[in-house]
């Protein structure tokens, strides 16, 4: 049985996404990591795509990256549509409405990391970014996405419980194949 889930567009402020990315980049302390994660760069591109001049300059920088193709695919095929921004190819959704499970898993790992940070620090500044990453990453897992939407409604005034339950759903999704989710 195939479950179809209508997902409302996440309401996340683009400036909040940019602040999140800046914080993430400033906290990266791994000396052997020469580039930020592809998910983080893709999120940056999507958040700044409305400024066409700046976006085009960023694309030029990203194009020299080792993972340029992956970054551009995540940004254009996953994050930009989730933010309600048009993709370059108007019929893209008909060709492949969702990315592969591996890509969704990478986005979910970023959401999991942020959710764990929120719970550990009790700092809910980037709660909407956690929600956005989780919803977007769960696009490969319709049942888990349905569960997360229910959690969002149930715990809209209880951010700590929302994050705790969201982290549980992410772990369940990452621990099972997409067909089981």
C-alpha atoms as a PDB file:
ATOM      1  CA  UNK A   1       0.000   0.000   0.000  1.00  0.00           C
ATOM      2  CA  UNK A   2       1.368   3.369  -0.993  1.00  0.00           C
ATOM      3  CA  UNK A   3       0.682   6.294   1.304  1.00  0.00           C
ATOM      4  CA  UNK A   4       0.456   9.784  -0.182  1.00  0.00           C
ATOM      5  CA  UNK A   5       1.196  12.618   2.193  1.00  0.00           C
ATOM      6  CA  UNK A   6       0.445  16.278   1.524  1.00  0.00           C
ATOM      7  CA  UNK A   7       3.217  18.303   3.072  1.00  0.00           C
ATOM      8  CA  UNK A   8       2.702  21.998   3.673  1.00  0.00           C
ATOM      9  CA  UNK A   9       5.696  24.119   2.839  1.00  0.00           C
ATOM     10  CA  UNK A  10       7.850  24.598   5.926  1.00  0.00           C
ATOM     11  CA  UNK A  11       7.768  28.112   7.245  1.00  0.00           C
ATOM     12  CA  UNK A  12      11.376  28.967   7.888  1.00  0.00           C
ATOM     13  CA  UNK A  13      12.908  32.388   7.688  1.00  0.00           C
ATOM     14  CA  UNK A  14      15.742  32.540   5.145  1.00  0.00           C
ATOM     15  CA  UNK A  15      17.753  34.816   7.445  1.00  0.00           C
ATOM     16  CA  UNK A  16      17.468  32.169  10.166  1.00  0.00           C
ATOM     17  CA  UNK A  17      18.846  29.580   7.735  1.00  0.00           C
ATOM     18  CA  UNK A  18      21.797  31.836   6.939  1.00  0.00           C
ATOM     19  CA  UNK A  19      22.488  32.429  10.664  1.00  0.00           C
ATOM     20  CA  UNK A  20      22.328  28.669  11.185  1.00  0.00           C
ATOM     21  CA  UNK A  21      24.847  28.056   8.407  1.00  0.00           C
ATOM     22  CA  UNK A  22      27.196  30.731   9.778  1.00  0.00           C
ATOM     23  CA  UNK A  23      27.024  29.158  13.238  1.00  0.00           C
ATOM     24  CA  UNK A  24      27.649  25.694  11.816  1.00  0.00           C
ATOM     25  CA  UNK A  25      30.654  26.897   9.823  1.00  0.00           C
ATOM     26  CA  UNK A  26      32.126  28.730  12.807  1.00  0.00           C
ATOM     27  CA  UNK A  27      31.773  25.613  14.983  1.00  0.00           C
ATOM     28  CA  UNK A  28      33.456  23.255  12.510  1.00  0.00           C
ATOM     29  CA  UNK A  29      36.600  22.190  14.332  1.00  0.00           C
ATOM     30  CA  UNK A  30      37.683  19.155  12.366  1.00  0.00           C
ATOM     31  CA  UNK A  31      41.160  19.999  11.009  1.00  0.00           C
ATOM     32  CA  UNK A  32      41.084  17.296   8.331  1.00  0.00           C
ATOM     33  CA  UNK A  33      37.826  18.602   6.862  1.00  0.00           C
ATOM     34  CA  UNK A  34      38.715  20.998   4.055  1.00  0.00           C
ATOM     35  CA  UNK A  35      35.145  21.671   2.929  1.00  0.00           C
ATOM     36  CA  UNK A  36      31.893  22.049   4.834  1.00  0.00           C
ATOM     37  CA  UNK A  37      29.367  19.254   4.416  1.00  0.00           C
ATOM     38  CA  UNK A  38      27.523  19.155   1.080  1.00  0.00           C
ATOM     39  CA  UNK A  39      24.203  19.457   2.950  1.00  0.00           C
ATOM     40  CA  UNK A  40      25.334  22.681   4.634  1.00  0.00           C
ATOM     41  CA  UNK A  41      26.560  24.207   1.367  1.00  0.00           C
ATOM     42  CA  UNK A  42      23.360  23.141  -0.430  1.00  0.00           C
ATOM     43  CA  UNK A  43      21.301  24.743   2.338  1.00  0.00           C
ATOM     44  CA  UNK A  44      23.293  27.950   1.929  1.00  0.00           C
ATOM     45  CA  UNK A  45      22.696  28.017  -1.819  1.00  0.00           C
ATOM     46  CA  UNK A  46      18.975  27.435  -1.408  1.00  0.00           C
ATOM     47  CA  UNK A  47      18.631  30.076   1.301  1.00  0.00           C
ATOM     48  CA  UNK A  48      20.442  32.676  -0.802  1.00  0.00           C
ATOM     49  CA  UNK A  49      19.028  31.788  -4.213  1.00  0.00           C
ATOM     50  CA  UNK A  50      16.643  34.749  -4.200  1.00  0.00           C
ATOM     51  CA  UNK A  51      19.663  37.088  -4.552  1.00  0.00           C
ATOM     52  CA  UNK A  52      20.561  36.092  -8.111  1.00  0.00           C
ATOM     53  CA  UNK A  53      23.910  37.928  -8.323  1.00  0.00           C
ATOM     54  CA  UNK A  54      25.176  36.542  -5.021  1.00  0.00           C
ATOM     55  CA  UNK A  55      23.773  33.092  -5.824  1.00  0.00           C
ATOM     56  CA  UNK A  56      25.593  33.012  -9.176  1.00  0.00           C
ATOM     57  CA  UNK A  57      28.871  33.976  -7.496  1.00  0.00           C
ATOM     58  CA  UNK A  58      28.349  31.208  -4.935  1.00  0.00           C
ATOM     59  CA  UNK A  59      27.657  28.718  -7.742  1.00  0.00           C
ATOM     60  CA  UNK A  60      31.021  29.655  -9.263  1.00  0.00           C
ATOM     61  CA  UNK A  61      32.755  28.953  -5.935  1.00  0.00           C
ATOM     62  CA  UNK A  62      30.857  25.718  -5.374  1.00  0.00           C
ATOM     63  CA  UNK A  63      31.671  24.525  -8.904  1.00  0.00           C
ATOM     64  CA  UNK A  64      35.302  24.118  -7.878  1.00  0.00           C
ATOM     65  CA  UNK A  65      34.326  21.896  -4.959  1.00  0.00           C
ATOM     66  CA  UNK A  66      35.019  18.168  -4.955  1.00  0.00           C
ATOM     67  CA  UNK A  67      31.336  17.505  -4.323  1.00  0.00           C
ATOM     68  CA  UNK A  68      29.889  20.252  -6.568  1.00  0.00           C
ATOM     69  CA  UNK A  69      27.478  17.961  -8.404  1.00  0.00           C
ATOM     70  CA  UNK A  70      26.074  16.578  -5.163  1.00  0.00           C
ATOM     71  CA  UNK A  71      25.747  20.031  -3.576  1.00  0.00           C
ATOM     72  CA  UNK A  72      23.926  21.478  -6.572  1.00  0.00           C
ATOM     73  CA  UNK A  73      21.606  18.476  -6.792  1.00  0.00           C
ATOM     74  CA  UNK A  74      20.651  18.664  -3.099  1.00  0.00           C
ATOM     75  CA  UNK A  75      20.117  22.404  -3.317  1.00  0.00           C
ATOM     76  CA  UNK A  76      18.128  22.469  -6.567  1.00  0.00           C
ATOM     77  CA  UNK A  77      16.212  19.213  -6.206  1.00  0.00           C
ATOM     78  CA  UNK A  78      15.488  19.129  -2.486  1.00  0.00           C
ATOM     79  CA  UNK A  79      15.992  22.391  -0.604  1.00  0.00           C
ATOM     80  CA  UNK A  80      14.844  24.968  -3.161  1.00  0.00           C
ATOM     81  CA  UNK A  81      11.510  23.234  -3.840  1.00  0.00           C
ATOM     82  CA  UNK A  82      11.025  22.757  -0.086  1.00  0.00           C
ATOM     83  CA  UNK A  83      11.481  26.513   0.322  1.00  0.00           C
ATOM     84  CA  UNK A  84       8.970  27.158  -2.454  1.00  0.00           C
ATOM     85  CA  UNK A  85      11.564  28.410  -4.900  1.00  0.00           C
ATOM     86  CA  UNK A  86      11.333  27.349  -8.532  1.00  0.00           C
ATOM     87  CA  UNK A  87      13.786  24.782  -9.805  1.00  0.00           C
ATOM     88  CA  UNK A  88      15.661  25.324 -13.069  1.00  0.00           C
ATOM     89  CA  UNK A  89      13.793  22.495 -14.800  1.00  0.00           C
ATOM     90  CA  UNK A  90      10.016  23.024 -14.643  1.00  0.00           C
ATOM     91  CA  UNK A  91       9.235  19.343 -15.211  1.00  0.00           C
ATOM     92  CA  UNK A  92      11.795  18.061 -12.694  1.00  0.00           C
ATOM     93  CA  UNK A  93       9.089  16.913 -10.282  1.00  0.00           C
ATOM     94  CA  UNK A  94       7.643  14.615 -12.925  1.00  0.00           C
ATOM     95  CA  UNK A  95      11.007  12.985 -13.651  1.00  0.00           C
ATOM     96  CA  UNK A  96      12.026  12.284 -10.064  1.00  0.00           C
ATOM     97  CA  UNK A  97       9.936  13.870  -7.319  1.00  0.00           C
ATOM     98  CA  UNK A  98      12.246  12.691  -4.530  1.00  0.00           C
ATOM     99  CA  UNK A  99      15.936  12.235  -4.196  1.00  0.00           C
ATOM    100  CA  UNK A 100      17.476   8.948  -3.355  1.00  0.00           C
ATOM    101  CA  UNK A 101      17.424   7.506   0.141  1.00  0.00           C
ATOM    102  CA  UNK A 102      21.141   8.187   0.636  1.00  0.00           C
ATOM    103  CA  UNK A 103      20.696  11.928   0.052  1.00  0.00           C
ATOM    104  CA  UNK A 104      17.651  12.078   2.298  1.00  0.00           C
ATOM    105  CA  UNK A 105      19.678  10.214   4.913  1.00  0.00           C
ATOM    106  CA  UNK A 106      22.429  12.835   4.774  1.00  0.00           C
ATOM    107  CA  UNK A 107      19.882  15.595   5.348  1.00  0.00           C
ATOM    108  CA  UNK A 108      18.395  13.595   8.222  1.00  0.00           C
ATOM    109  CA  UNK A 109      21.842  13.181   9.777  1.00  0.00           C
ATOM    110  CA  UNK A 110      22.165  16.984   9.760  1.00  0.00           C
ATOM    111  CA  UNK A 111      18.717  17.273  11.355  1.00  0.00           C
ATOM    112  CA  UNK A 112      19.634  14.633  13.936  1.00  0.00           C
ATOM    113  CA  UNK A 113      22.833  16.462  14.812  1.00  0.00           C
ATOM    114  CA  UNK A 114      20.943  19.735  15.235  1.00  0.00           C
ATOM    115  CA  UNK A 115      18.184  18.067  17.271  1.00  0.00           C
ATOM    116  CA  UNK A 116      20.718  16.504  19.626  1.00  0.00           C
ATOM    117  CA  UNK A 117      22.459  19.871  19.988  1.00  0.00           C
ATOM    118  CA  UNK A 118      19.160  21.588  20.780  1.00  0.00           C
ATOM    119  CA  UNK A 119      18.335  19.012  23.455  1.00  0.00           C
ATOM    120  CA  UNK A 120      21.807  19.102  24.998  1.00  0.00           C
ATOM    121  CA  UNK A 121      22.039  22.896  25.143  1.00  0.00           C
ATOM    122  CA  UNK A 122      18.324  23.639  25.653  1.00  0.00           C
ATOM    123  CA  UNK A 123      18.769  26.345  23.011  1.00  0.00           C
ATOM    124  CA  UNK A 124      15.782  26.469  20.652  1.00  0.00           C
ATOM    125  CA  UNK A 125      16.970  29.333  18.419  1.00  0.00           C
ATOM    126  CA  UNK A 126      17.232  27.020  15.403  1.00  0.00           C
ATOM    127  CA  UNK A 127      14.123  24.927  16.101  1.00  0.00           C
ATOM    128  CA  UNK A 128      12.602  25.927  12.739  1.00  0.00           C
ATOM    129  CA  UNK A 129      15.785  24.844  10.950  1.00  0.00           C
ATOM    130  CA  UNK A 130      15.541  21.462  12.703  1.00  0.00           C
ATOM    131  CA  UNK A 131      11.921  21.199  11.545  1.00  0.00           C
ATOM    132  CA  UNK A 132      12.847  22.200   7.997  1.00  0.00           C
ATOM    133  CA  UNK A 133      15.737  19.733   7.738  1.00  0.00           C
ATOM    134  CA  UNK A 134      13.636  16.950   9.231  1.00  0.00           C
ATOM    135  CA  UNK A 135      10.663  17.528   6.923  1.00  0.00           C
ATOM    136  CA  UNK A 136      12.914  17.779   3.908  1.00  0.00           C
ATOM    137  CA  UNK A 137      14.952  14.695   4.790  1.00  0.00           C
ATOM    138  CA  UNK A 138      11.826  12.675   5.491  1.00  0.00           C
ATOM    139  CA  UNK A 139      10.584  13.266   1.939  1.00  0.00           C
ATOM    140  CA  UNK A 140      11.911   9.768   1.134  1.00  0.00           C
ATOM    141  CA  UNK A 141      10.021   8.273   4.078  1.00  0.00           C
ATOM    142  CA  UNK A 142       6.303   9.038   3.716  1.00  0.00           C
ATOM    143  CA  UNK A 143       5.145   7.216   6.851  1.00  0.00           C
ATOM    144  CA  UNK A 144       7.809   8.866   9.019  1.00  0.00           C
ATOM    145  CA  UNK A 145       6.964  12.229   7.463  1.00  0.00           C
ATOM    146  CA  UNK A 146       3.326  11.655   8.392  1.00  0.00           C
ATOM    147  CA  UNK A 147       4.412  10.847  11.962  1.00  0.00           C
ATOM    148  CA  UNK A 148       6.553  13.974  12.133  1.00  0.00           C
ATOM    149  CA  UNK A 149       3.704  16.174  10.900  1.00  0.00           C
ATOM    150  CA  UNK A 150       1.537  14.738  13.693  1.00  0.00           C
ATOM    151  CA  UNK A 151       4.289  15.507  16.214  1.00  0.00           C
ATOM    152  CA  UNK A 152       4.502  19.084  14.927  1.00  0.00           C
ATOM    153  CA  UNK A 153       0.776  19.537  15.530  1.00  0.00           C
ATOM    154  CA  UNK A 154       0.792  17.810  18.923  1.00  0.00           C
ATOM    155  CA  UNK A 155       3.799  19.574  20.387  1.00  0.00           C
ATOM    156  CA  UNK A 156       3.661  22.993  18.723  1.00  0.00           C
ATOM    157  CA  UNK A 157       3.885  24.695  22.137  1.00  0.00           C
ATOM    158  CA  UNK A 158       6.334  22.207  23.638  1.00  0.00           C
ATOM    159  CA  UNK A 159       9.583  22.611  21.684  1.00  0.00           C
ATOM    160  CA  UNK A 160      11.637  20.230  23.802  1.00  0.00           C
ATOM    161  CA  UNK A 161       9.135  17.381  23.348  1.00  0.00           C
ATOM    162  CA  UNK A 162       8.839  18.221  19.656  1.00  0.00           C
ATOM    163  CA  UNK A 163      12.597  17.868  19.190  1.00  0.00           C
ATOM    164  CA  UNK A 164      12.798  14.745  21.360  1.00  0.00           C
ATOM    165  CA  UNK A 165      10.044  12.994  19.369  1.00  0.00           C
ATOM    166  CA  UNK A 166      11.484  14.312  16.094  1.00  0.00           C
ATOM    167  CA  UNK A 167      14.871  12.813  16.942  1.00  0.00           C
ATOM    168  CA  UNK A 168      13.159   9.467  17.643  1.00  0.00           C
ATOM    169  CA  UNK A 169      11.454   9.574  14.239  1.00  0.00           C
ATOM    170  CA  UNK A 170      14.721  10.458  12.489  1.00  0.00           C
ATOM    171  CA  UNK A 171      16.505   7.558  14.175  1.00  0.00           C
ATOM    172  CA  UNK A 172      13.702   5.191  13.171  1.00  0.00           C
ATOM    173  CA  UNK A 173      13.866   6.404   9.567  1.00  0.00           C
ATOM    174  CA  UNK A 174      17.637   6.074   9.410  1.00  0.00           C
ATOM    175  CA  UNK A 175      17.506   2.596  10.908  1.00  0.00           C
ATOM    176  CA  UNK A 176      15.116   1.149   8.327  1.00  0.00           C
ATOM    177  CA  UNK A 177      14.949   1.016   4.523  1.00  0.00           C
ATOM    178  CA  UNK A 178      12.663   3.602   2.883  1.00  0.00           C
ATOM    179  CA  UNK A 179      10.174   0.892   1.917  1.00  0.00           C
ATOM    180  CA  UNK A 180       9.594   0.189   5.628  1.00  0.00           C
ATOM    181  CA  UNK A 181       9.099   3.849   6.441  1.00  0.00           C
END
